[in-house]
């Protein structure tokens, strides 16, 4: 349990550090989604929903843009969304790396040959 708490602490620290970039990307996704909503004559709630579903590259297909400018903005939203997701994954991996670096690895060098020997005896 302590290991998980250390990881969560590192991850939270990373999110606090990166929040301006994450917030900026989220805001851009929101604004672009609202622009597409105006171009496509969607309700604001549908436009925001569509923008974030597109940004996560899930794309359910229940709402889709039909006009060329809207489709261009959809590609832009998807690219920004991939970088948004990639940044969160990078922060999580770095938090895991720091957590694992803090924990000593047990020495198991004396047991390396034993399981292999036991398995090879049972096969023959």
C-alpha atoms as a PDB file:
ATOM      1  CA  UNK A   1       0.000   0.000   0.000  1.00  0.00           C
ATOM      2  CA  UNK A   2       2.848   2.347   0.806  1.00  0.00           C
ATOM      3  CA  UNK A   3       4.271   1.767  -2.676  1.00  0.00           C
ATOM      4  CA  UNK A   4       0.980   2.867  -4.286  1.00  0.00           C
ATOM      5  CA  UNK A   5       0.786   5.963  -2.109  1.00  0.00           C
ATOM      6  CA  UNK A   6       4.326   6.968  -3.050  1.00  0.00           C
ATOM      7  CA  UNK A   7       3.441   6.509  -6.726  1.00  0.00           C
ATOM      8  CA  UNK A   8       0.282   8.608  -6.356  1.00  0.00           C
ATOM      9  CA  UNK A   9       2.253  11.337  -4.596  1.00  0.00           C
ATOM     10  CA  UNK A  10       4.803  11.457  -7.441  1.00  0.00           C
ATOM     11  CA  UNK A  11       2.031  11.434 -10.057  1.00  0.00           C
ATOM     12  CA  UNK A  12       0.143  14.233  -8.281  1.00  0.00           C
ATOM     13  CA  UNK A  13       3.315  16.321  -8.092  1.00  0.00           C
ATOM     14  CA  UNK A  14       3.835  15.831 -11.820  1.00  0.00           C
ATOM     15  CA  UNK A  15       0.245  16.825 -12.591  1.00  0.00           C
ATOM     16  CA  UNK A  16       0.610  19.972 -10.489  1.00  0.00           C
ATOM     17  CA  UNK A  17       3.785  20.814 -12.403  1.00  0.00           C
ATOM     18  CA  UNK A  18       2.201  20.203 -15.828  1.00  0.00           C
ATOM     19  CA  UNK A  19      -1.286  21.592 -15.154  1.00  0.00           C
ATOM     20  CA  UNK A  20      -0.738  24.829 -17.134  1.00  0.00           C
ATOM     21  CA  UNK A  21       0.050  22.856 -20.285  1.00  0.00           C
ATOM     22  CA  UNK A  22      -2.782  20.378 -19.689  1.00  0.00           C
ATOM     23  CA  UNK A  23      -5.230  23.211 -19.003  1.00  0.00           C
ATOM     24  CA  UNK A  24      -4.118  25.054 -22.143  1.00  0.00           C
ATOM     25  CA  UNK A  25      -4.609  21.957 -24.280  1.00  0.00           C
ATOM     26  CA  UNK A  26      -8.008  21.301 -22.689  1.00  0.00           C
ATOM     27  CA  UNK A  27      -9.045  24.892 -23.337  1.00  0.00           C
ATOM     28  CA  UNK A  28      -7.967  24.686 -26.984  1.00  0.00           C
ATOM     29  CA  UNK A  29      -9.954  21.454 -27.406  1.00  0.00           C
ATOM     30  CA  UNK A  30     -12.975  23.136 -25.827  1.00  0.00           C
ATOM     31  CA  UNK A  31     -12.779  26.245 -28.030  1.00  0.00           C
ATOM     32  CA  UNK A  32     -12.204  24.271 -31.237  1.00  0.00           C
ATOM     33  CA  UNK A  33     -15.120  22.019 -30.337  1.00  0.00           C
ATOM     34  CA  UNK A  34     -17.387  25.022 -29.837  1.00  0.00           C
ATOM     35  CA  UNK A  35     -16.285  26.447 -33.195  1.00  0.00           C
ATOM     36  CA  UNK A  36     -17.156  23.133 -34.866  1.00  0.00           C
ATOM     37  CA  UNK A  37     -20.466  23.218 -32.997  1.00  0.00           C
ATOM     38  CA  UNK A  38     -21.281  26.631 -34.472  1.00  0.00           C
ATOM     39  CA  UNK A  39     -20.252  25.518 -37.982  1.00  0.00           C
ATOM     40  CA  UNK A  40     -22.359  22.362 -37.707  1.00  0.00           C
ATOM     41  CA  UNK A  41     -25.277  24.000 -35.821  1.00  0.00           C
ATOM     42  CA  UNK A  42     -24.940  21.672 -32.817  1.00  0.00           C
ATOM     43  CA  UNK A  43     -25.964  22.398 -29.229  1.00  0.00           C
ATOM     44  CA  UNK A  44     -23.054  23.556 -27.051  1.00  0.00           C
ATOM     45  CA  UNK A  45     -23.267  20.419 -24.921  1.00  0.00           C
ATOM     46  CA  UNK A  46     -23.065  18.205 -28.025  1.00  0.00           C
ATOM     47  CA  UNK A  47     -20.093  20.188 -29.348  1.00  0.00           C
ATOM     48  CA  UNK A  48     -18.175  19.903 -26.079  1.00  0.00           C
ATOM     49  CA  UNK A  49     -18.978  16.196 -25.795  1.00  0.00           C
ATOM     50  CA  UNK A  50     -17.885  15.591 -29.393  1.00  0.00           C
ATOM     51  CA  UNK A  51     -14.653  17.584 -28.956  1.00  0.00           C
ATOM     52  CA  UNK A  52     -13.466  15.589 -25.954  1.00  0.00           C
ATOM     53  CA  UNK A  53     -14.533  12.242 -27.423  1.00  0.00           C
ATOM     54  CA  UNK A  54     -12.581  13.185 -30.556  1.00  0.00           C
ATOM     55  CA  UNK A  55      -9.598  14.369 -28.496  1.00  0.00           C
ATOM     56  CA  UNK A  56      -9.368  11.010 -26.768  1.00  0.00           C
ATOM     57  CA  UNK A  57      -9.564   9.400 -30.241  1.00  0.00           C
ATOM     58  CA  UNK A  58     -12.484   7.250 -29.085  1.00  0.00           C
ATOM     59  CA  UNK A  59     -14.838   8.730 -31.681  1.00  0.00           C
ATOM     60  CA  UNK A  60     -18.128   6.952 -31.107  1.00  0.00           C
ATOM     61  CA  UNK A  61     -19.531   8.247 -34.404  1.00  0.00           C
ATOM     62  CA  UNK A  62     -22.854   9.323 -32.950  1.00  0.00           C
ATOM     63  CA  UNK A  63     -22.017  12.931 -33.843  1.00  0.00           C
ATOM     64  CA  UNK A  64     -19.768  13.764 -36.761  1.00  0.00           C
ATOM     65  CA  UNK A  65     -18.913  16.904 -38.712  1.00  0.00           C
ATOM     66  CA  UNK A  66     -20.075  17.112 -42.320  1.00  0.00           C
ATOM     67  CA  UNK A  67     -18.406  20.328 -43.523  1.00  0.00           C
ATOM     68  CA  UNK A  68     -14.762  20.479 -44.662  1.00  0.00           C
ATOM     69  CA  UNK A  69     -13.645  23.202 -42.187  1.00  0.00           C
ATOM     70  CA  UNK A  70     -15.183  21.213 -39.341  1.00  0.00           C
ATOM     71  CA  UNK A  71     -13.367  18.076 -40.435  1.00  0.00           C
ATOM     72  CA  UNK A  72     -10.078  19.971 -40.532  1.00  0.00           C
ATOM     73  CA  UNK A  73     -10.697  21.169 -36.982  1.00  0.00           C
ATOM     74  CA  UNK A  74     -11.555  17.577 -35.996  1.00  0.00           C
ATOM     75  CA  UNK A  75      -8.103  16.461 -37.132  1.00  0.00           C
ATOM     76  CA  UNK A  76      -6.544  19.326 -35.177  1.00  0.00           C
ATOM     77  CA  UNK A  77      -8.521  18.346 -32.068  1.00  0.00           C
ATOM     78  CA  UNK A  78      -7.382  14.731 -32.447  1.00  0.00           C
ATOM     79  CA  UNK A  79      -3.717  15.760 -32.736  1.00  0.00           C
ATOM     80  CA  UNK A  80      -3.952  17.972 -29.661  1.00  0.00           C
ATOM     81  CA  UNK A  81      -5.781  15.171 -27.849  1.00  0.00           C
ATOM     82  CA  UNK A  82      -3.041  12.658 -28.637  1.00  0.00           C
ATOM     83  CA  UNK A  83      -0.410  15.010 -27.214  1.00  0.00           C
ATOM     84  CA  UNK A  84      -2.636  15.599 -24.164  1.00  0.00           C
ATOM     85  CA  UNK A  85      -2.967  11.848 -23.565  1.00  0.00           C
ATOM     86  CA  UNK A  86       0.725  11.287 -24.283  1.00  0.00           C
ATOM     87  CA  UNK A  87       1.711  13.886 -21.723  1.00  0.00           C
ATOM     88  CA  UNK A  88      -0.422  12.253 -19.035  1.00  0.00           C
ATOM     89  CA  UNK A  89       1.055   8.837 -19.874  1.00  0.00           C
ATOM     90  CA  UNK A  90       4.585  10.284 -19.763  1.00  0.00           C
ATOM     91  CA  UNK A  91       3.899  11.812 -16.354  1.00  0.00           C
ATOM     92  CA  UNK A  92       2.544   8.492 -15.080  1.00  0.00           C
ATOM     93  CA  UNK A  93       5.559   6.566 -16.381  1.00  0.00           C
ATOM     94  CA  UNK A  94       7.969   9.048 -14.851  1.00  0.00           C
ATOM     95  CA  UNK A  95       6.139   8.818 -11.521  1.00  0.00           C
ATOM     96  CA  UNK A  96       6.416   5.014 -11.678  1.00  0.00           C
ATOM     97  CA  UNK A  97      10.115   5.254 -12.524  1.00  0.00           C
ATOM     98  CA  UNK A  98      10.751   7.517  -9.532  1.00  0.00           C
ATOM     99  CA  UNK A  99       8.719   5.240  -7.271  1.00  0.00           C
ATOM    100  CA  UNK A 100      10.595   2.141  -8.400  1.00  0.00           C
ATOM    101  CA  UNK A 101      13.934   3.932  -8.000  1.00  0.00           C
ATOM    102  CA  UNK A 102      13.065   4.681  -4.356  1.00  0.00           C
ATOM    103  CA  UNK A 103      12.367   1.008  -3.571  1.00  0.00           C
ATOM    104  CA  UNK A 104      15.368  -1.326  -3.214  1.00  0.00           C
ATOM    105  CA  UNK A 105      15.276  -4.427  -5.414  1.00  0.00           C
ATOM    106  CA  UNK A 106      15.721  -7.669  -3.431  1.00  0.00           C
ATOM    107  CA  UNK A 107      18.787  -9.743  -4.289  1.00  0.00           C
ATOM    108  CA  UNK A 108      17.676 -13.019  -5.812  1.00  0.00           C
ATOM    109  CA  UNK A 109      20.916 -13.995  -7.515  1.00  0.00           C
ATOM    110  CA  UNK A 110      21.287 -17.101  -5.333  1.00  0.00           C
ATOM    111  CA  UNK A 111      17.981 -18.520  -6.632  1.00  0.00           C
ATOM    112  CA  UNK A 112      18.576 -17.943 -10.340  1.00  0.00           C
ATOM    113  CA  UNK A 113      19.694 -21.476 -11.273  1.00  0.00           C
ATOM    114  CA  UNK A 114      17.435 -23.397  -8.906  1.00  0.00           C
ATOM    115  CA  UNK A 115      14.052 -23.202 -10.696  1.00  0.00           C
ATOM    116  CA  UNK A 116      15.621 -24.038 -14.056  1.00  0.00           C
ATOM    117  CA  UNK A 117      17.321 -27.143 -12.613  1.00  0.00           C
ATOM    118  CA  UNK A 118      14.090 -28.307 -11.011  1.00  0.00           C
ATOM    119  CA  UNK A 119      12.136 -27.860 -14.249  1.00  0.00           C
ATOM    120  CA  UNK A 120      14.742 -29.659 -16.381  1.00  0.00           C
ATOM    121  CA  UNK A 121      14.686 -32.681 -14.025  1.00  0.00           C
ATOM    122  CA  UNK A 122      10.891 -32.966 -14.290  1.00  0.00           C
ATOM    123  CA  UNK A 123      10.822 -32.777 -18.113  1.00  0.00           C
ATOM    124  CA  UNK A 124      13.249 -35.604 -18.883  1.00  0.00           C
END
